[in-house]
Protein backbone atom coordinates (compact mmCIF):
# COMPACT_ATOMS: atom_id res chain seq x y z
CA UNK A 1 -21.34 15.35 -12.10
CA UNK A 2 -20.01 18.64 -10.74
CA UNK A 3 -16.32 19.60 -10.83
CA UNK A 4 -16.18 19.11 -7.06
CA UNK A 5 -17.59 15.59 -7.37
CA UNK A 6 -15.15 14.79 -10.19
CA UNK A 7 -12.22 15.88 -8.03
CA UNK A 8 -13.18 13.21 -5.48
CA UNK A 9 -13.21 10.39 -8.05
CA UNK A 10 -10.28 8.00 -7.65
CA UNK A 11 -8.99 5.93 -10.54
CA UNK A 12 -8.20 2.69 -8.75
CA UNK A 13 -6.08 1.58 -11.69
CA UNK A 14 -3.50 4.19 -10.71
CA UNK A 15 -4.18 4.49 -6.97
CA UNK A 16 -1.03 3.42 -5.11
CA UNK A 17 -1.12 3.88 -1.35
CA UNK A 18 2.44 2.55 -0.92
CA UNK A 19 3.75 5.15 -3.36
CA UNK A 20 1.88 7.93 -1.56
CA UNK A 21 3.24 6.78 1.81
CA UNK A 22 6.81 6.65 0.45
CA UNK A 23 6.66 10.37 -0.42
CA UNK A 24 6.94 11.14 3.27
CA UNK A 25 5.01 12.84 6.01
CA UNK A 26 6.35 16.04 7.60
CA UNK A 27 5.76 15.97 11.35
CA UNK A 28 6.25 19.09 13.44
CA UNK A 29 7.40 17.87 16.84
CA UNK A 30 5.19 19.22 19.60
CA UNK A 31 5.84 19.70 23.29
CA UNK A 32 2.71 18.00 24.55
CA UNK A 33 2.96 19.81 27.88
CA UNK A 34 2.63 23.26 26.31
CA UNK A 35 0.96 22.35 22.98
CA UNK A 36 3.72 24.37 21.28
CA UNK A 37 6.24 23.11 18.70
CA UNK A 38 9.72 22.22 19.86
CA UNK A 39 12.12 24.88 18.63
CA UNK A 40 15.56 23.91 17.39
CA UNK A 41 18.96 25.54 17.54
CA UNK A 42 18.12 27.81 14.60
CA UNK A 43 14.93 29.17 16.17
CA UNK A 44 12.70 27.16 13.80
CA UNK A 45 10.31 24.28 14.48
CA UNK A 46 11.79 20.79 14.65
CA UNK A 47 10.36 18.79 11.73
CA UNK A 48 10.92 15.09 11.08
CA UNK A 49 9.93 13.48 7.77
CA UNK A 50 9.04 9.80 7.77
CA UNK A 51 7.52 7.36 5.31
CA UNK A 52 4.02 6.18 6.21
CA UNK A 53 2.96 2.70 7.26
CA UNK A 54 1.87 1.71 3.76
CA UNK A 55 5.33 2.35 2.29
CA UNK A 56 7.37 -0.65 1.18
CA UNK A 57 10.15 0.34 3.59
CA UNK A 58 7.81 0.36 6.62
CA UNK A 59 6.16 -2.91 5.57
CA UNK A 60 9.45 -4.69 4.77
CA UNK A 61 11.02 -3.58 8.06
CA UNK A 62 7.99 -4.66 10.09
CA UNK A 63 7.95 -8.03 8.31
CA UNK A 64 11.67 -8.61 8.98
CA UNK A 65 11.20 -7.72 12.64
CA UNK A 66 8.20 -10.04 12.86
CA UNK A 67 10.23 -12.90 11.40
CA UNK A 68 13.09 -12.18 13.79
CA UNK A 69 10.70 -12.18 16.76
CA UNK A 70 9.00 -15.38 15.61
CA UNK A 71 12.36 -17.10 15.41
CA UNK A 72 13.58 -15.72 18.74
CA UNK A 73 10.46 -16.08 20.87
CA UNK A 74 8.86 -19.10 19.17
CA UNK A 75 5.78 -19.97 21.21
CA UNK A 76 6.34 -17.41 23.93
CA UNK A 77 4.79 -14.01 23.50
CA UNK A 78 6.98 -11.11 22.48
CA UNK A 79 7.58 -8.95 25.58
CA UNK A 80 5.96 -5.52 25.50
CA UNK A 81 9.26 -3.68 25.83
CA UNK A 82 10.55 -5.56 22.76
CA UNK A 83 7.45 -4.56 20.77
CA UNK A 84 8.00 -0.94 21.79
CA UNK A 85 11.66 -1.07 20.78
CA UNK A 86 10.67 -2.70 17.48
CA UNK A 87 8.34 0.20 16.69
CA UNK A 88 11.19 2.62 17.30
CA UNK A 89 13.40 0.55 14.99
CA UNK A 90 10.74 0.83 12.27
CA UNK A 91 10.59 4.60 12.82
CA UNK A 92 14.38 4.93 12.62
CA UNK A 93 14.35 2.97 9.37
CA UNK A 94 11.58 5.02 7.72
CA UNK A 95 12.94 8.41 8.82
CA UNK A 96 13.83 10.21 5.61
CA UNK A 97 15.34 13.36 7.13
CA UNK A 98 14.85 15.95 9.80
CA UNK A 99 15.48 19.64 10.24
CA UNK A 100 19.14 20.28 10.94
CA UNK A 101 18.39 21.93 14.26
CA UNK A 102 17.87 19.18 16.84
CA UNK A 103 20.04 19.93 19.88
CA UNK A 104 21.57 16.93 21.63
CA UNK A 105 24.33 17.00 24.26
CA UNK A 106 25.49 20.45 23.13
CA UNK A 107 25.64 19.60 19.44
CA UNK A 108 23.22 19.38 16.50
CA UNK A 109 22.13 15.80 15.87
CA UNK A 110 22.71 14.45 12.35
CA UNK A 111 19.94 12.31 10.85
CA UNK A 112 21.35 8.77 10.86
CA UNK A 113 19.71 5.47 11.77
CA UNK A 114 21.63 5.28 15.06
CA UNK A 115 20.75 8.86 16.00
CA UNK A 116 17.10 8.31 15.07
CA UNK A 117 16.96 5.23 17.25
CA UNK A 118 18.71 7.06 20.11
CA UNK A 119 16.33 10.04 19.87
CA UNK A 120 13.18 7.93 19.58
CA UNK A 121 14.09 5.87 22.65
CA UNK A 122 14.07 8.98 24.85
CA UNK A 123 10.91 9.89 26.79
CA UNK A 124 10.33 13.03 24.69
CA UNK A 125 7.13 11.90 22.90
CA UNK A 126 8.81 12.07 19.46
CA UNK A 127 8.23 8.36 18.81
CA UNK A 128 4.58 8.55 19.84
CA UNK A 129 3.95 11.56 17.58
CA UNK A 130 5.71 9.89 14.65
CA UNK A 131 3.76 6.65 15.11
CA UNK A 132 0.50 8.60 15.17
CA UNK A 133 1.41 10.49 12.00
CA UNK A 134 2.90 7.49 10.21
CA UNK A 135 -0.16 5.35 10.77
CA UNK A 136 -2.65 8.04 9.72
CA UNK A 137 -3.44 7.95 6.01
CA UNK A 138 -4.96 11.39 6.40
CA UNK A 139 -1.37 12.68 6.75
CA UNK A 140 -0.29 11.47 3.30
CA UNK A 141 0.71 14.08 0.75
CA UNK A 142 -1.68 14.31 -2.16
CA UNK A 143 -0.28 13.80 -5.67
């Protein structure tokens, strides 16, 4: 077996996808209209770091939301707008940090759950980009 082939061998006894996902995924926020990164108040790219979908935090939050919805909606289906808001709640929960340069109403937005939720509810494509990155295992940081 060549060195290259050996580097692709995974020891499944130590392989832990949840641990990899919990390390975080750095997502450069892109303006989808121009295909350029959003630039913050400091002249640098806006970067948000979230845990991936296999992390315990993502899974536990999604499970709690599912239980809440089951209890609330019983046999009725969960409305689409509630599902969308639930995804944004998951994102706000798994957001680890962001660059300290996000302008909002003339100030720089601190990274808190409430601010995450507020930002992700806006039609700025942040939530969609974070969902895409958070659900892509290809984005996980290698050990």
